[in-house]
Amino acid sequence: MRGSALQSEPRVPSFFADECVARAIVEGLIQRGLDVVDAKDVCRGDSDERILALAEAAERVVITRDWGFGEMAIRHGQAAAGVIILSLYALSAGVRERYAVEKVAEIADQSPGHLTIIEPWRIRRRPLTGP
C-alpha cells in the first residue's frame, strides 16, 4: 500500500497583503504559487484592526510594512494567524520588491503562528501568543 487516505500534504499557508504592500510584491508571490488576497481589492480603507480580524477569520497570514500589526498581535494579544512585517526601507524600490517576494516565499511555511520581521540582512521570528 502506497499511503493512507488519511495522510495529507503539508498545508501551504495563505496570505493577506495589507494595502501598504506594493502590487508588484502581491503579483510576485502569486506567480510563485502562493495564495494571496490583496486588501486593496477586498477592503480598501478598512482599519488595521479589521484587516487583522479578516485575515485571522480566513486563517491568512498578514503581510505588511506597518509595525502596528505586530503591536496588535504581540502587545494587545489580538488574534492573528501570523504577521510578516517587511522592514526593507534601506533597499531601493525594485530591489525591495524582489527581495520581499524571495524572502516571503522562502519562509512561507514557517510564518503561521509567528510574527516575522524581514529586514535586508536578517529575518527575525517569534511565536504569537494569545491574550
Protein backbone atom coordinates (compact mmCIF):
# COMPACT_ATOMS: atom_id res chain seq x y z
CA MET A 1 0.00 0.00 0.00
CA ARG A 2 1.46 3.38 -1.05
CA GLY A 3 -0.10 5.54 1.60
CA SER A 4 -3.12 6.09 3.67
CA ALA A 5 -6.02 8.21 2.53
CA LEU A 6 -5.76 9.91 5.92
CA GLN A 7 -2.32 11.29 5.14
CA SER A 8 -2.38 14.79 3.76
CA GLU A 9 0.04 17.09 2.08
CA PRO A 10 1.54 19.80 4.30
CA ARG A 11 -0.71 22.84 4.05
CA VAL A 12 0.80 25.83 2.32
CA PRO A 13 -0.27 28.93 4.22
CA SER A 14 -2.33 31.63 2.58
CA PHE A 15 -1.70 35.34 2.92
CA PHE A 16 -3.49 38.68 3.22
CA ALA A 17 -1.47 41.64 1.90
CA ASP A 18 -2.13 44.94 3.65
CA GLU A 19 -2.82 48.00 1.48
CA CYS A 20 0.73 49.29 2.01
CA VAL A 21 2.23 46.26 0.25
CA ALA A 22 3.20 47.04 -3.35
CA ARG A 23 1.14 45.35 -6.04
CA ALA A 24 4.40 44.02 -7.53
CA ILE A 25 5.02 42.06 -4.32
CA VAL A 26 1.50 40.61 -4.33
CA GLU A 27 1.78 39.63 -8.00
CA GLY A 28 5.26 38.18 -7.48
CA LEU A 29 4.03 35.97 -4.64
CA ILE A 30 1.05 34.80 -6.71
CA GLN A 31 3.42 33.98 -9.58
CA ARG A 32 5.38 31.83 -7.13
CA GLY A 33 2.22 29.86 -6.42
CA LEU A 34 1.22 31.44 -3.12
CA ASP A 35 -2.41 32.21 -2.30
CA VAL A 36 -2.52 35.96 -1.64
CA VAL A 37 -5.52 38.25 -1.16
CA ASP A 38 -4.79 41.96 -1.59
CA ALA A 39 -6.57 44.30 0.86
CA LYS A 40 -6.70 46.88 -1.94
CA ASP A 41 -9.14 44.56 -3.72
CA VAL A 42 -11.37 43.47 -0.84
CA CYS A 43 -11.35 46.01 1.99
CA ARG A 44 -9.71 49.23 0.84
CA GLY A 45 -9.65 51.80 3.60
CA ASP A 46 -10.57 49.43 6.44
CA SER A 47 -8.82 49.81 9.78
CA ASP A 48 -5.79 47.72 10.67
CA GLU A 49 -7.84 46.01 13.38
CA ARG A 50 -10.46 44.96 10.83
CA ILE A 51 -7.79 43.75 8.38
CA LEU A 52 -6.17 41.64 11.09
CA ALA A 53 -9.57 40.23 12.10
CA LEU A 54 -10.50 39.41 8.49
CA ALA A 55 -7.15 37.71 7.94
CA GLU A 56 -7.49 35.71 11.18
CA ALA A 57 -11.04 34.60 10.29
CA ALA A 58 -9.76 33.35 6.92
CA GLU A 59 -6.62 31.81 8.50
CA ARG A 60 -4.39 34.07 6.41
CA VAL A 61 -1.02 35.46 7.46
CA VAL A 62 -0.90 39.27 7.13
CA ILE A 63 1.93 40.75 5.05
CA THR A 64 2.53 44.43 5.81
CA ARG A 65 5.05 47.23 6.22
CA ASP A 66 3.08 48.56 9.20
CA TRP A 67 4.63 47.79 12.59
CA GLY A 68 1.23 48.38 14.20
CA PHE A 69 0.17 44.85 13.21
CA GLY A 70 2.98 43.41 15.33
CA GLU A 71 1.93 45.66 18.18
CA MET A 72 -1.70 44.47 17.93
CA ALA A 73 -0.72 40.79 17.80
CA ILE A 74 2.03 40.80 20.44
CA ARG A 75 1.26 43.55 22.95
CA HIS A 76 -2.51 43.63 22.67
CA GLY A 77 -2.98 39.91 22.07
CA GLN A 78 -5.29 40.37 19.10
CA ALA A 79 -5.77 37.01 17.40
CA ALA A 80 -3.73 36.56 14.23
CA ALA A 81 -2.89 33.61 12.00
CA GLY A 82 0.53 35.23 11.60
CA VAL A 83 2.10 38.56 10.71
CA ILE A 84 5.01 39.28 8.37
CA ILE A 85 6.45 42.79 8.56
CA LEU A 86 8.53 43.92 5.60
CA SER A 87 11.09 46.33 7.05
CA LEU A 88 13.03 46.91 3.85
CA TYR A 89 13.28 50.71 3.71
CA ALA A 90 17.06 50.60 3.21
CA LEU A 91 16.58 48.98 -0.22
CA SER A 92 15.58 50.74 -3.42
CA ALA A 93 12.02 50.10 -4.65
CA GLY A 94 12.78 47.49 -7.33
CA VAL A 95 15.27 45.64 -5.15
CA ARG A 96 12.88 45.85 -2.16
CA GLU A 97 10.06 44.22 -4.13
CA ARG A 98 12.19 41.35 -5.49
CA TYR A 99 13.77 40.74 -2.07
CA ALA A 100 10.35 40.73 -0.35
CA VAL A 101 8.96 38.18 -2.81
CA GLU A 102 12.03 35.96 -2.46
CA LYS A 103 12.10 36.02 1.34
CA VAL A 104 8.34 35.63 1.90
CA ALA A 105 8.30 32.66 -0.46
CA GLU A 106 11.32 31.21 1.39
CA ILE A 107 9.72 31.41 4.85
CA ALA A 108 6.05 30.97 3.87
CA ASP A 109 5.61 27.60 5.58
CA GLN A 110 7.20 28.92 8.80
CA SER A 111 5.04 32.03 9.08
CA PRO A 112 1.74 30.78 10.57
CA GLY A 113 1.58 31.41 14.30
CA HIS A 114 4.53 33.81 14.22
CA LEU A 115 5.44 37.45 13.99
CA THR A 116 8.14 37.52 11.32
CA ILE A 117 10.19 40.60 10.51
CA ILE A 118 12.04 40.59 7.21
CA GLU A 119 14.96 43.02 7.08
CA PRO A 120 17.67 43.38 4.42
CA TRP A 121 20.24 41.48 6.45
CA ARG A 122 18.20 39.13 8.61
CA ILE A 123 14.85 37.56 9.35
CA ARG A 124 13.54 37.58 12.92
CA ARG A 125 10.69 35.40 14.13
CA ARG A 126 8.82 34.97 17.38
CA PRO A 127 5.72 32.95 18.23
CA LEU A 128 2.43 34.73 18.65
CA THR A 129 0.65 34.09 21.91
CA GLY A 130 -2.96 34.71 22.82
CA PRO A 131 -4.19 37.26 25.37
